[in-house]
């Protein structure tokens, strides 16, 4: 099972930007679809964005559309999530996940993924 490590979280002011990274040491990482989810205190974990193993197809949750961008560099075993125009309601722990979902519909679901990182905190506050 692939091991995932997130980085790049922190404190940012409303309207600011932040870049998150998800890296893996396994060479098979480029065979996995990768998703980003987030969980705010007292709320369920929700889908943010996902990218297919090749990087050709991306998917976004409603909260991310137009503001966040997911991309991957398989040569570096890394998936990035660029967060722009951040709002206080974006405050959450952000998790990356990897898996081999049977079809694209599973990319939006927690059950579509086999491995999870430990999470990185993003706080949007003035």
N, C-alpha and C. Protein backbone atom coordinates (compact mmCIF):
# COMPACT_ATOMS: atom_id res chain seq x y z
N UNK A 1 0.85 -1.18 0.00
CA UNK A 1 0.00 0.00 0.00
C UNK A 1 0.89 1.24 0.00
N UNK A 2 0.52 2.18 -0.84
CA UNK A 2 1.34 3.38 -0.97
C UNK A 2 1.24 4.23 0.29
N UNK A 3 2.35 4.85 0.68
CA UNK A 3 2.37 5.74 1.84
C UNK A 3 2.40 7.18 1.34
N UNK A 4 1.49 8.00 1.87
CA UNK A 4 1.34 9.37 1.40
C UNK A 4 1.73 10.37 2.47
N UNK A 5 2.37 11.44 2.05
CA UNK A 5 2.76 12.50 2.97
C UNK A 5 2.32 13.84 2.39
N UNK A 6 1.49 14.57 3.16
CA UNK A 6 1.06 15.90 2.74
C UNK A 6 1.95 16.96 3.35
N UNK A 7 2.05 18.08 2.66
CA UNK A 7 2.81 19.22 3.18
C UNK A 7 2.24 20.50 2.58
N UNK A 8 2.60 21.62 3.18
CA UNK A 8 2.23 22.91 2.61
C UNK A 8 1.12 23.65 3.32
N UNK A 9 0.54 23.04 4.33
CA UNK A 9 -0.52 23.72 5.06
C UNK A 9 0.02 24.89 5.87
N UNK A 10 -0.90 25.69 6.41
CA UNK A 10 -0.49 26.82 7.22
C UNK A 10 -1.61 27.81 7.42
N UNK A 11 -1.23 28.99 7.90
CA UNK A 11 -2.18 30.06 8.17
C UNK A 11 -2.09 31.08 7.03
N UNK A 12 -3.24 31.46 6.50
CA UNK A 12 -3.28 32.42 5.40
C UNK A 12 -4.47 33.34 5.60
N UNK A 13 -4.35 34.55 5.13
CA UNK A 13 -5.44 35.51 5.25
C UNK A 13 -6.50 35.25 4.19
N UNK A 14 -7.73 35.64 4.44
CA UNK A 14 -8.78 35.51 3.42
C UNK A 14 -8.36 36.20 2.12
N UNK A 15 -8.64 35.51 1.02
CA UNK A 15 -8.23 36.01 -0.29
C UNK A 15 -6.86 35.56 -0.71
N UNK A 16 -6.12 34.96 0.20
CA UNK A 16 -4.77 34.52 -0.09
C UNK A 16 -4.72 33.17 -0.78
N UNK A 17 -3.50 32.69 -0.98
CA UNK A 17 -3.27 31.43 -1.68
C UNK A 17 -2.34 30.53 -0.88
N UNK A 18 -2.44 29.25 -1.16
CA UNK A 18 -1.61 28.26 -0.49
C UNK A 18 -1.44 27.07 -1.43
N UNK A 19 -0.26 26.46 -1.41
CA UNK A 19 -0.04 25.28 -2.22
C UNK A 19 0.21 24.07 -1.36
N UNK A 20 -0.55 23.01 -1.58
CA UNK A 20 -0.38 21.76 -0.86
C UNK A 20 0.27 20.72 -1.77
N UNK A 21 1.04 19.85 -1.16
CA UNK A 21 1.67 18.77 -1.92
C UNK A 21 1.41 17.44 -1.26
N UNK A 22 1.32 16.42 -2.08
CA UNK A 22 1.16 15.04 -1.62
C UNK A 22 2.23 14.22 -2.32
N UNK A 23 3.11 13.63 -1.55
CA UNK A 23 4.18 12.85 -2.15
C UNK A 23 4.15 11.41 -1.66
N UNK A 24 4.71 10.54 -2.48
CA UNK A 24 4.81 9.13 -2.13
C UNK A 24 6.17 8.61 -2.57
N UNK A 25 6.66 7.64 -1.83
CA UNK A 25 7.98 7.10 -2.16
C UNK A 25 7.92 5.94 -3.13
N UNK A 26 6.74 5.30 -3.23
CA UNK A 26 6.62 4.13 -4.08
C UNK A 26 6.60 4.51 -5.55
N UNK A 27 7.31 3.73 -6.35
CA UNK A 27 7.38 4.01 -7.78
C UNK A 27 6.05 3.75 -8.47
N UNK A 28 5.19 2.94 -7.82
CA UNK A 28 3.89 2.65 -8.41
C UNK A 28 2.89 3.77 -8.24
N UNK A 29 3.31 4.87 -7.62
CA UNK A 29 2.39 5.99 -7.38
C UNK A 29 1.74 6.46 -8.66
N UNK A 30 2.45 6.33 -9.78
CA UNK A 30 1.90 6.83 -11.04
C UNK A 30 0.80 5.93 -11.60
N UNK A 31 0.45 4.87 -10.90
CA UNK A 31 -0.67 4.02 -11.30
C UNK A 31 -1.92 4.34 -10.50
N UNK A 32 -1.80 5.24 -9.53
CA UNK A 32 -2.92 5.55 -8.65
C UNK A 32 -3.64 6.84 -9.06
N UNK A 33 -4.95 6.82 -8.97
CA UNK A 33 -5.69 8.08 -8.94
C UNK A 33 -5.48 8.70 -7.57
N UNK A 34 -5.45 10.03 -7.52
CA UNK A 34 -5.22 10.73 -6.25
C UNK A 34 -6.30 11.78 -6.03
N UNK A 35 -6.80 11.81 -4.83
CA UNK A 35 -7.81 12.78 -4.47
C UNK A 35 -7.40 13.59 -3.25
N UNK A 36 -7.99 14.75 -3.13
CA UNK A 36 -7.86 15.59 -1.94
C UNK A 36 -9.23 15.71 -1.29
N UNK A 37 -9.25 15.53 0.01
CA UNK A 37 -10.46 15.70 0.81
C UNK A 37 -10.12 16.66 1.95
N UNK A 38 -11.15 17.18 2.58
CA UNK A 38 -10.90 18.04 3.74
C UNK A 38 -11.95 17.77 4.81
N UNK A 39 -11.56 18.06 6.04
CA UNK A 39 -12.47 17.86 7.15
C UNK A 39 -12.33 19.00 8.14
N UNK A 40 -13.41 19.74 8.33
CA UNK A 40 -13.46 20.82 9.30
C UNK A 40 -13.97 20.25 10.63
N UNK A 41 -13.67 20.91 11.73
CA UNK A 41 -14.13 20.42 13.03
C UNK A 41 -15.64 20.24 13.07
N UNK A 42 -16.07 19.08 13.51
CA UNK A 42 -17.48 18.82 13.65
C UNK A 42 -18.21 18.50 12.35
N UNK A 43 -17.47 18.40 11.26
CA UNK A 43 -18.08 18.12 9.96
C UNK A 43 -17.52 16.84 9.36
N UNK A 44 -18.24 16.32 8.38
CA UNK A 44 -17.79 15.13 7.70
C UNK A 44 -16.67 15.47 6.71
N UNK A 45 -15.87 14.47 6.40
CA UNK A 45 -14.83 14.66 5.40
C UNK A 45 -15.48 14.82 4.03
N UNK A 46 -15.06 15.84 3.29
CA UNK A 46 -15.68 16.11 2.01
C UNK A 46 -14.66 16.14 0.88
N UNK A 47 -15.14 15.77 -0.29
CA UNK A 47 -14.32 15.73 -1.48
C UNK A 47 -13.96 17.14 -1.94
N UNK A 48 -12.69 17.32 -2.33
CA UNK A 48 -12.23 18.60 -2.83
C UNK A 48 -11.87 18.50 -4.32
N UNK A 49 -10.97 17.58 -4.64
CA UNK A 49 -10.51 17.46 -6.03
C UNK A 49 -9.84 16.11 -6.22
N UNK A 50 -9.75 15.68 -7.48
CA UNK A 50 -9.08 14.42 -7.79
C UNK A 50 -8.45 14.50 -9.18
N UNK A 51 -7.47 13.65 -9.38
CA UNK A 51 -6.79 13.58 -10.68
C UNK A 51 -6.55 12.11 -11.00
N UNK A 52 -6.72 11.76 -12.25
CA UNK A 52 -6.48 10.38 -12.66
C UNK A 52 -4.99 10.07 -12.67
N UNK A 53 -4.66 8.79 -12.82
CA UNK A 53 -3.27 8.37 -12.70
C UNK A 53 -2.36 9.07 -13.72
N UNK A 54 -2.91 9.37 -14.90
CA UNK A 54 -2.11 9.99 -15.95
C UNK A 54 -2.02 11.50 -15.80
N UNK A 55 -2.95 12.06 -15.03
CA UNK A 55 -3.01 13.51 -14.91
C UNK A 55 -3.87 14.18 -15.96
N UNK A 56 -4.42 13.40 -16.86
CA UNK A 56 -5.17 13.98 -17.98
C UNK A 56 -6.56 14.47 -17.58
N UNK A 57 -7.13 13.85 -16.56
CA UNK A 57 -8.48 14.20 -16.16
C UNK A 57 -8.51 14.65 -14.70
N UNK A 58 -9.21 15.75 -14.47
CA UNK A 58 -9.34 16.28 -13.12
C UNK A 58 -10.82 16.45 -12.78
N UNK A 59 -11.10 16.43 -11.48
CA UNK A 59 -12.46 16.50 -10.99
C UNK A 59 -12.46 17.40 -9.76
N UNK A 60 -13.53 18.18 -9.59
CA UNK A 60 -13.58 19.13 -8.49
C UNK A 60 -14.92 19.08 -7.78
N UNK A 61 -14.87 19.28 -6.48
CA UNK A 61 -16.08 19.47 -5.72
C UNK A 61 -16.58 20.90 -5.91
N UNK A 62 -17.82 21.14 -5.54
CA UNK A 62 -18.41 22.46 -5.77
C UNK A 62 -17.63 23.57 -5.06
N UNK A 63 -17.10 23.26 -3.89
CA UNK A 63 -16.39 24.29 -3.13
C UNK A 63 -15.05 24.65 -3.76
N UNK A 64 -14.55 23.79 -4.63
CA UNK A 64 -13.22 24.00 -5.21
C UNK A 64 -13.26 24.59 -6.61
N UNK A 65 -14.36 24.44 -7.28
CA UNK A 65 -14.44 24.87 -8.69
C UNK A 65 -14.14 26.36 -8.84
N UNK A 66 -13.22 26.66 -9.74
CA UNK A 66 -12.87 28.04 -10.02
C UNK A 66 -11.83 28.64 -9.09
N UNK A 67 -11.53 27.95 -8.00
CA UNK A 67 -10.55 28.49 -7.03
C UNK A 67 -9.36 27.57 -6.80
N UNK A 68 -9.56 26.28 -6.86
CA UNK A 68 -8.50 25.31 -6.58
C UNK A 68 -8.11 24.60 -7.87
N UNK A 69 -6.84 24.20 -7.93
CA UNK A 69 -6.34 23.47 -9.09
C UNK A 69 -5.50 22.29 -8.64
N UNK A 70 -5.86 21.10 -9.14
CA UNK A 70 -5.09 19.90 -8.83
C UNK A 70 -4.23 19.54 -10.03
N UNK A 71 -3.03 19.08 -9.76
CA UNK A 71 -2.14 18.65 -10.84
C UNK A 71 -1.20 17.59 -10.29
N UNK A 72 -0.52 16.91 -11.18
CA UNK A 72 0.43 15.90 -10.70
C UNK A 72 1.66 15.88 -11.59
N UNK A 73 2.76 15.49 -10.97
CA UNK A 73 4.03 15.31 -11.68
C UNK A 73 4.51 13.91 -11.32
N UNK A 74 4.26 12.96 -12.18
CA UNK A 74 4.60 11.57 -11.87
C UNK A 74 6.11 11.35 -11.82
N UNK A 75 6.86 12.18 -12.49
CA UNK A 75 8.32 12.05 -12.42
C UNK A 75 8.83 12.35 -11.01
N UNK A 76 8.07 13.18 -10.28
CA UNK A 76 8.43 13.54 -8.91
C UNK A 76 7.59 12.81 -7.87
N UNK A 77 6.71 11.91 -8.33
CA UNK A 77 5.80 11.20 -7.40
C UNK A 77 5.02 12.19 -6.54
N UNK A 78 4.46 13.21 -7.16
CA UNK A 78 3.82 14.27 -6.41
C UNK A 78 2.53 14.73 -7.06
N UNK A 79 1.56 14.99 -6.21
CA UNK A 79 0.30 15.63 -6.62
C UNK A 79 0.18 16.93 -5.84
N UNK A 80 -0.17 17.99 -6.53
CA UNK A 80 -0.27 19.30 -5.91
C UNK A 80 -1.72 19.79 -5.92
N UNK A 81 -2.05 20.59 -4.94
CA UNK A 81 -3.35 21.25 -4.88
C UNK A 81 -3.10 22.72 -4.59
N UNK A 82 -3.37 23.56 -5.58
CA UNK A 82 -3.21 25.00 -5.42
C UNK A 82 -4.53 25.59 -4.96
N UNK A 83 -4.48 26.28 -3.84
CA UNK A 83 -5.67 26.89 -3.25
C UNK A 83 -5.59 28.39 -3.44
N UNK A 84 -6.53 28.96 -4.17
CA UNK A 84 -6.57 30.40 -4.41
C UNK A 84 -7.85 31.01 -3.87
N UNK A 85 -7.81 32.30 -3.64
CA UNK A 85 -8.99 33.06 -3.17
C UNK A 85 -9.61 32.34 -1.96
N UNK A 86 -8.78 32.05 -1.00
CA UNK A 86 -9.23 31.28 0.15
C UNK A 86 -10.21 32.05 1.01
N UNK A 87 -11.12 31.30 1.62
CA UNK A 87 -12.16 31.86 2.48
C UNK A 87 -12.04 31.22 3.86
N UNK A 88 -12.56 31.87 4.89
CA UNK A 88 -12.52 31.26 6.22
C UNK A 88 -13.15 29.87 6.26
N UNK A 89 -14.17 29.64 5.45
CA UNK A 89 -14.84 28.33 5.44
C UNK A 89 -14.00 27.25 4.77
N UNK A 90 -12.86 27.60 4.20
CA UNK A 90 -11.93 26.61 3.68
C UNK A 90 -11.04 26.03 4.79
N UNK A 91 -11.14 26.58 5.97
CA UNK A 91 -10.35 26.08 7.09
C UNK A 91 -10.71 24.64 7.39
N UNK A 92 -9.70 23.77 7.38
CA UNK A 92 -9.92 22.34 7.57
C UNK A 92 -8.57 21.63 7.56
N UNK A 93 -8.60 20.37 7.92
CA UNK A 93 -7.46 19.49 7.67
C UNK A 93 -7.66 18.90 6.28
N UNK A 94 -6.63 19.03 5.46
CA UNK A 94 -6.69 18.54 4.09
C UNK A 94 -5.91 17.22 3.99
N UNK A 95 -6.55 16.23 3.40
CA UNK A 95 -5.96 14.90 3.26
C UNK A 95 -5.82 14.54 1.79
N UNK A 96 -4.73 13.90 1.45
CA UNK A 96 -4.67 13.30 0.12
C UNK A 96 -4.88 11.80 0.27
N UNK A 97 -5.38 11.22 -0.81
CA UNK A 97 -5.70 9.80 -0.81
C UNK A 97 -5.38 9.22 -2.18
N UNK A 98 -5.04 7.95 -2.21
CA UNK A 98 -4.70 7.28 -3.47
C UNK A 98 -5.48 5.98 -3.59
N UNK A 99 -5.84 5.65 -4.81
CA UNK A 99 -6.59 4.42 -5.01
C UNK A 99 -6.73 4.07 -6.48
N UNK A 100 -7.43 2.96 -6.70
CA UNK A 100 -7.72 2.50 -8.06
C UNK A 100 -9.22 2.34 -8.20
N UNK A 101 -9.95 3.45 -8.21
CA UNK A 101 -11.41 3.35 -8.32
C UNK A 101 -11.85 2.72 -9.63
N UNK A 102 -12.94 1.96 -9.56
CA UNK A 102 -13.41 1.22 -10.73
C UNK A 102 -13.87 2.15 -11.85
N UNK A 103 -14.45 3.28 -11.49
CA UNK A 103 -14.80 4.29 -12.49
C UNK A 103 -14.76 5.66 -11.85
N UNK A 104 -14.89 6.67 -12.64
CA UNK A 104 -14.63 8.04 -12.17
C UNK A 104 -15.59 8.47 -11.07
N UNK A 105 -16.77 7.86 -11.02
CA UNK A 105 -17.72 8.23 -9.97
C UNK A 105 -17.19 7.96 -8.58
N UNK A 106 -16.32 6.98 -8.46
CA UNK A 106 -15.77 6.65 -7.16
C UNK A 106 -14.71 7.65 -6.71
N UNK A 107 -14.22 8.46 -7.60
CA UNK A 107 -13.23 9.47 -7.22
C UNK A 107 -13.78 10.47 -6.21
N UNK A 108 -15.09 10.64 -6.19
CA UNK A 108 -15.72 11.60 -5.29
C UNK A 108 -15.99 11.00 -3.90
N UNK A 109 -15.77 9.73 -3.74
CA UNK A 109 -16.16 9.02 -2.53
C UNK A 109 -14.96 8.59 -1.71
N UNK A 110 -15.12 8.59 -0.41
CA UNK A 110 -14.06 8.12 0.49
C UNK A 110 -13.69 6.68 0.16
N UNK A 111 -14.70 5.90 -0.20
CA UNK A 111 -14.47 4.48 -0.45
C UNK A 111 -13.73 4.21 -1.75
N UNK A 112 -13.49 5.23 -2.54
CA UNK A 112 -12.75 5.04 -3.78
C UNK A 112 -11.25 4.97 -3.59
N UNK A 113 -10.79 5.12 -2.33
CA UNK A 113 -9.37 5.23 -2.07
C UNK A 113 -8.90 4.20 -1.04
N UNK A 114 -7.68 3.72 -1.23
CA UNK A 114 -7.12 2.69 -0.37
C UNK A 114 -6.14 3.22 0.66
N UNK A 115 -5.50 4.32 0.35
CA UNK A 115 -4.45 4.84 1.21
C UNK A 115 -4.69 6.32 1.47
N UNK A 116 -4.37 6.74 2.70
CA UNK A 116 -4.59 8.12 3.12
C UNK A 116 -3.34 8.67 3.79
N UNK A 117 -3.13 9.97 3.60
CA UNK A 117 -2.07 10.64 4.33
C UNK A 117 -2.54 11.05 5.71
N UNK A 118 -1.65 11.69 6.46
CA UNK A 118 -1.96 12.07 7.83
C UNK A 118 -2.68 13.41 7.92
N UNK A 119 -2.70 14.15 6.83
CA UNK A 119 -3.40 15.42 6.79
C UNK A 119 -2.51 16.60 7.07
N UNK A 120 -2.91 17.75 6.54
CA UNK A 120 -2.20 18.99 6.80
C UNK A 120 -3.23 20.09 7.06
N UNK A 121 -2.98 20.90 8.09
CA UNK A 121 -3.95 21.91 8.51
C UNK A 121 -3.85 23.15 7.65
N UNK A 122 -5.00 23.61 7.18
CA UNK A 122 -5.11 24.89 6.48
C UNK A 122 -6.05 25.77 7.30
N UNK A 123 -5.57 26.93 7.69
CA UNK A 123 -6.37 27.87 8.46
C UNK A 123 -6.43 29.19 7.72
N UNK A 124 -7.64 29.64 7.45
CA UNK A 124 -7.85 30.90 6.75
C UNK A 124 -8.46 31.89 7.74
N UNK A 125 -7.69 32.88 8.11
CA UNK A 125 -8.13 33.81 9.14
C UNK A 125 -7.35 35.10 9.04
N UNK A 126 -8.01 36.19 9.39
CA UNK A 126 -7.33 37.48 9.44
C UNK A 126 -6.82 37.78 10.84
